[in-house]
Amino acid sequence: MEILGTSLRVCVDDLETAVPFYERLAGTPALRFERGGVKVAAVGCFLLMSGPAA
């Protein structure tokens, strides 16, 4: 089986503060969306999530 890609989920307190750092790290802009009250930003292989505690 060939591995096609990887992703790393990162929970952050403040998405707006974290996104610029990860954009610089990955060298690509974030794709943002919201799902079920959780704000998400996909930046390269990083999936940043911010929302209410479970």
PDB file of N, CA and C in Angstrom:
ATOM      1  N   MET A   1       0.848  -1.174   0.000  1.00  0.00           N
ATOM      2  CA  MET A   1       0.000   0.000   0.000  1.00  0.00           C
ATOM      3  C   MET A   1       0.893   1.238   0.000  1.00  0.00           C
ATOM      4  N   GLU A   2       0.595   2.166  -0.878  1.00  0.00           N
ATOM      5  CA  GLU A   2       1.362   3.401  -0.988  1.00  0.00           C
ATOM      6  C   GLU A   2       0.709   4.488  -0.138  1.00  0.00           C
ATOM      7  N   ILE A   3       1.508   5.191   0.657  1.00  0.00           N
ATOM      8  CA  ILE A   3       1.011   6.321   1.452  1.00  0.00           C
ATOM      9  C   ILE A   3       0.993   7.545   0.548  1.00  0.00           C
ATOM     10  N   LEU A   4      -0.180   8.149   0.398  1.00  0.00           N
ATOM     11  CA  LEU A   4      -0.346   9.279  -0.508  1.00  0.00           C
ATOM     12  C   LEU A   4      -0.122  10.623   0.159  1.00  0.00           C
ATOM     13  N   GLY A   5      -0.234  10.683   1.482  1.00  0.00           N
ATOM     14  CA  GLY A   5      -0.043  11.941   2.188  1.00  0.00           C
ATOM     15  C   GLY A   5      -0.257  11.761   3.675  1.00  0.00           C
ATOM     16  N   THR A   6       0.066  12.784   4.415  1.00  0.00           N
ATOM     17  CA  THR A   6      -0.134  12.769   5.859  1.00  0.00           C
ATOM     18  C   THR A   6      -0.754  14.089   6.287  1.00  0.00           C
ATOM     19  N   SER A   7      -1.373  14.090   7.448  1.00  0.00           N
ATOM     20  CA  SER A   7      -1.889  15.330   8.020  1.00  0.00           C
ATOM     21  C   SER A   7      -1.684  15.282   9.527  1.00  0.00           C
ATOM     22  N   LEU A   8      -1.558  16.449  10.098  1.00  0.00           N
ATOM     23  CA  LEU A   8      -1.336  16.571  11.532  1.00  0.00           C
ATOM     24  C   LEU A   8      -2.398  17.493  12.104  1.00  0.00           C
ATOM     25  N   ARG A   9      -3.235  16.957  12.991  1.00  0.00           N
ATOM     26  CA  ARG A   9      -4.265  17.770  13.643  1.00  0.00           C
ATOM     27  C   ARG A   9      -3.640  18.531  14.803  1.00  0.00           C
ATOM     28  N   VAL A  10      -3.897  19.841  14.859  1.00  0.00           N
ATOM     29  CA  VAL A  10      -3.358  20.692  15.911  1.00  0.00           C
ATOM     30  C   VAL A  10      -4.513  21.487  16.508  1.00  0.00           C
ATOM     31  N   CYS A  11      -4.765  21.309  17.808  1.00  0.00           N
ATOM     32  CA  CYS A  11      -5.792  22.085  18.505  1.00  0.00           C
ATOM     33  C   CYS A  11      -5.150  23.366  19.024  1.00  0.00           C
ATOM     34  N   VAL A  12      -5.753  24.505  18.708  1.00  0.00           N
ATOM     35  CA  VAL A  12      -5.212  25.798  19.124  1.00  0.00           C
ATOM     36  C   VAL A  12      -6.291  26.589  19.852  1.00  0.00           C
ATOM     37  N   ASP A  13      -5.864  27.461  20.757  1.00  0.00           N
ATOM     38  CA  ASP A  13      -6.806  28.310  21.485  1.00  0.00           C
ATOM     39  C   ASP A  13      -7.327  29.440  20.601  1.00  0.00           C
ATOM     40  N   ASP A  14      -6.445  30.029  19.796  1.00  0.00           N
ATOM     41  CA  ASP A  14      -6.810  31.174  18.968  1.00  0.00           C
ATOM     42  C   ASP A  14      -6.366  30.923  17.529  1.00  0.00           C
ATOM     43  N   LEU A  15      -7.302  30.596  16.681  1.00  0.00           N
ATOM     44  CA  LEU A  15      -7.004  30.274  15.289  1.00  0.00           C
ATOM     45  C   LEU A  15      -6.385  31.467  14.563  1.00  0.00           C
ATOM     46  N   GLU A  16      -6.892  32.662  14.824  1.00  0.00           N
ATOM     47  CA  GLU A  16      -6.405  33.864  14.134  1.00  0.00           C
ATOM     48  C   GLU A  16      -4.937  34.137  14.434  1.00  0.00           C
ATOM     49  N   THR A  17      -4.488  33.804  15.626  1.00  0.00           N
ATOM     50  CA  THR A  17      -3.086  33.992  16.000  1.00  0.00           C
ATOM     51  C   THR A  17      -2.214  32.887  15.431  1.00  0.00           C
ATOM     52  N   ALA A  18      -2.710  31.669  15.402  1.00  0.00           N
ATOM     53  CA  ALA A  18      -1.917  30.512  14.976  1.00  0.00           C
ATOM     54  C   ALA A  18      -1.741  30.423  13.462  1.00  0.00           C
ATOM     55  N   VAL A  19      -2.743  30.816  12.692  1.00  0.00           N
ATOM     56  CA  VAL A  19      -2.709  30.624  11.237  1.00  0.00           C
ATOM     57  C   VAL A  19      -1.497  31.287  10.570  1.00  0.00           C
ATOM     58  N   PRO A  20      -1.171  32.550  10.852  1.00  0.00           N
ATOM     59  CA  PRO A  20      -0.011  33.152  10.172  1.00  0.00           C
ATOM     60  C   PRO A  20       1.299  32.391  10.404  1.00  0.00           C
ATOM     61  N   PHE A  21       1.489  31.868  11.608  1.00  0.00           N
ATOM     62  CA  PHE A  21       2.692  31.083  11.901  1.00  0.00           C
ATOM     63  C   PHE A  21       2.757  29.841  11.011  1.00  0.00           C
ATOM     64  N   TYR A  22       1.650  29.104  10.925  1.00  0.00           N
ATOM     65  CA  TYR A  22       1.627  27.877  10.135  1.00  0.00           C
ATOM     66  C   TYR A  22       1.680  28.167   8.636  1.00  0.00           C
ATOM     67  N   GLU A  23       1.140  29.310   8.195  1.00  0.00           N
ATOM     68  CA  GLU A  23       1.265  29.695   6.790  1.00  0.00           C
ATOM     69  C   GLU A  23       2.730  29.934   6.430  1.00  0.00           C
ATOM     70  N   ARG A  24       3.470  30.603   7.311  1.00  0.00           N
ATOM     71  CA  ARG A  24       4.901  30.813   7.070  1.00  0.00           C
ATOM     72  C   ARG A  24       5.653  29.486   7.103  1.00  0.00           C
ATOM     73  N   LEU A  25       5.308  28.623   8.059  1.00  0.00           N
ATOM     74  CA  LEU A  25       5.977  27.329   8.207  1.00  0.00           C
ATOM     75  C   LEU A  25       5.760  26.441   6.977  1.00  0.00           C
ATOM     76  N   ALA A  26       4.524  26.388   6.495  1.00  0.00           N
ATOM     77  CA  ALA A  26       4.184  25.516   5.367  1.00  0.00           C
ATOM     78  C   ALA A  26       4.428  26.181   4.011  1.00  0.00           C
ATOM     79  N   GLY A  27       4.523  27.516   4.004  1.00  0.00           N
ATOM     80  CA  GLY A  27       4.727  28.230   2.749  1.00  0.00           C
ATOM     81  C   GLY A  27       3.513  28.229   1.846  1.00  0.00           C
ATOM     82  N   THR A  28       2.331  28.142   2.448  1.00  0.00           N
ATOM     83  CA  THR A  28       1.087  28.102   1.672  1.00  0.00           C
ATOM     84  C   THR A  28      -0.032  28.785   2.461  1.00  0.00           C
ATOM     85  N   PRO A  29      -1.000  29.404   1.778  1.00  0.00           N
ATOM     86  CA  PRO A  29      -2.108  30.044   2.491  1.00  0.00           C
ATOM     87  C   PRO A  29      -3.081  29.022   3.079  1.00  0.00           C
ATOM     88  N   ALA A  30      -3.797  29.454   4.092  1.00  0.00           N
ATOM     89  CA  ALA A  30      -4.767  28.592   4.774  1.00  0.00           C
ATOM     90  C   ALA A  30      -6.084  28.537   4.006  1.00  0.00           C
ATOM     91  N   LEU A  31      -6.698  27.380   4.035  1.00  0.00           N
ATOM     92  CA  LEU A  31      -8.071  27.202   3.562  1.00  0.00           C
ATOM     93  C   LEU A  31      -8.923  27.078   4.814  1.00  0.00           C
ATOM     94  N   ARG A  32      -9.866  28.000   5.009  1.00  0.00           N
ATOM     95  CA  ARG A  32     -10.630  28.047   6.258  1.00  0.00           C
ATOM     96  C   ARG A  32     -12.072  27.610   6.049  1.00  0.00           C
ATOM     97  N   PHE A  33     -12.601  26.952   7.079  1.00  0.00           N
ATOM     98  CA  PHE A  33     -14.015  26.588   7.078  1.00  0.00           C
ATOM     99  C   PHE A  33     -14.444  26.317   8.515  1.00  0.00           C
ATOM    100  N   GLU A  34     -15.738  26.199   8.713  1.00  0.00           N
ATOM    101  CA  GLU A  34     -16.284  25.911  10.040  1.00  0.00           C
ATOM    102  C   GLU A  34     -17.194  24.697   9.923  1.00  0.00           C
ATOM    103  N   ARG A  35     -17.086  23.806  10.896  1.00  0.00           N
ATOM    104  CA  ARG A  35     -17.885  22.582  10.868  1.00  0.00           C
ATOM    105  C   ARG A  35     -18.321  22.265  12.296  1.00  0.00           C
ATOM    106  N   GLY A  36     -19.612  22.261  12.551  1.00  0.00           N
ATOM    107  CA  GLY A  36     -20.140  21.886  13.859  1.00  0.00           C
ATOM    108  C   GLY A  36     -19.664  22.762  15.003  1.00  0.00           C
ATOM    109  N   GLY A  37     -19.490  24.050  14.747  1.00  0.00           N
ATOM    110  CA  GLY A  37     -19.037  24.967  15.790  1.00  0.00           C
ATOM    111  C   GLY A  37     -17.529  24.992  15.986  1.00  0.00           C
ATOM    112  N   VAL A  38     -16.803  24.212  15.201  1.00  0.00           N
ATOM    113  CA  VAL A  38     -15.341  24.183  15.286  1.00  0.00           C
ATOM    114  C   VAL A  38     -14.784  24.918  14.072  1.00  0.00           C
ATOM    115  N   LYS A  39     -13.930  25.916  14.325  1.00  0.00           N
ATOM    116  CA  LYS A  39     -13.270  26.635  13.235  1.00  0.00           C
ATOM    117  C   LYS A  39     -12.034  25.845  12.830  1.00  0.00           C
ATOM    118  N   VAL A  40     -11.861  25.676  11.522  1.00  0.00           N
ATOM    119  CA  VAL A  40     -10.777  24.848  10.995  1.00  0.00           C
ATOM    120  C   VAL A  40     -10.006  25.632   9.939  1.00  0.00           C
ATOM    121  N   ALA A  41      -8.689  25.460   9.948  1.00  0.00           N
ATOM    122  CA  ALA A  41      -7.834  26.019   8.899  1.00  0.00           C
ATOM    123  C   ALA A  41      -6.884  24.919   8.443  1.00  0.00           C
ATOM    124  N   ALA A  42      -6.935  24.604   7.161  1.00  0.00           N
ATOM    125  CA  ALA A  42      -6.011  23.627   6.584  1.00  0.00           C
ATOM    126  C   ALA A  42      -4.849  24.398   5.978  1.00  0.00           C
ATOM    127  N   VAL A  43      -3.642  24.134   6.496  1.00  0.00           N
ATOM    128  CA  VAL A  43      -2.439  24.823   6.031  1.00  0.00           C
ATOM    129  C   VAL A  43      -1.400  23.752   5.707  1.00  0.00           C
ATOM    130  N   GLY A  44      -1.210  23.490   4.427  1.00  0.00           N
ATOM    131  CA  GLY A  44      -0.296  22.410   4.051  1.00  0.00           C
ATOM    132  C   GLY A  44      -0.780  21.103   4.662  1.00  0.00           C
ATOM    133  N   CYS A  45       0.092  20.433   5.396  1.00  0.00           N
ATOM    134  CA  CYS A  45      -0.290  19.161   6.029  1.00  0.00           C
ATOM    135  C   CYS A  45      -0.893  19.365   7.421  1.00  0.00           C
ATOM    136  N   PHE A  46      -0.996  20.622   7.874  1.00  0.00           N
ATOM    137  CA  PHE A  46      -1.526  20.908   9.206  1.00  0.00           C
ATOM    138  C   PHE A  46      -3.018  21.201   9.142  1.00  0.00           C
ATOM    139  N   LEU A  47      -3.773  20.642  10.074  1.00  0.00           N
ATOM    140  CA  LEU A  47      -5.198  20.897  10.200  1.00  0.00           C
ATOM    141  C   LEU A  47      -5.407  21.536  11.568  1.00  0.00           C
ATOM    142  N   LEU A  48      -5.515  22.865  11.590  1.00  0.00           N
ATOM    143  CA  LEU A  48      -5.674  23.610  12.839  1.00  0.00           C
ATOM    144  C   LEU A  48      -7.143  23.667  13.200  1.00  0.00           C
ATOM    145  N   MET A  49      -7.449  23.413  14.480  1.00  0.00           N
ATOM    146  CA  MET A  49      -8.836  23.409  14.937  1.00  0.00           C
ATOM    147  C   MET A  49      -8.965  24.233  16.204  1.00  0.00           C
ATOM    148  N   SER A  50     -10.043  25.012  16.285  1.00  0.00           N
ATOM    149  CA  SER A  50     -10.318  25.826  17.457  1.00  0.00           C
ATOM    150  C   SER A  50     -11.818  25.838  17.697  1.00  0.00           C
ATOM    151  N   GLY A  51     -12.208  25.572  18.928  1.00  0.00           N
ATOM    152  CA  GLY A  51     -13.628  25.555  19.245  1.00  0.00           C
ATOM    153  C   GLY A  51     -13.852  25.259  20.708  1.00  0.00           C
ATOM    154  N   PRO A  52     -15.102  25.023  21.075  1.00  0.00           N
ATOM    155  CA  PRO A  52     -15.420  24.739  22.475  1.00  0.00           C
ATOM    156  C   PRO A  52     -14.814  23.412  22.934  1.00  0.00           C
ATOM    157  N   ALA A  53     -14.490  23.351  24.205  1.00  0.00           N
ATOM    158  CA  ALA A  53     -13.953  22.106  24.779  1.00  0.00           C
ATOM    159  C   ALA A  53     -15.026  21.023  24.745  1.00  0.00           C
ATOM    160  N   ALA A  54     -14.608  19.815  24.516  1.00  0.00           N
ATOM    161  CA  ALA A  54     -15.560  18.692  24.440  1.00  0.00           C
ATOM    162  C   ALA A  54     -16.051  18.292  25.809  1.00  0.00           C
TER     163      ALA A  54
END
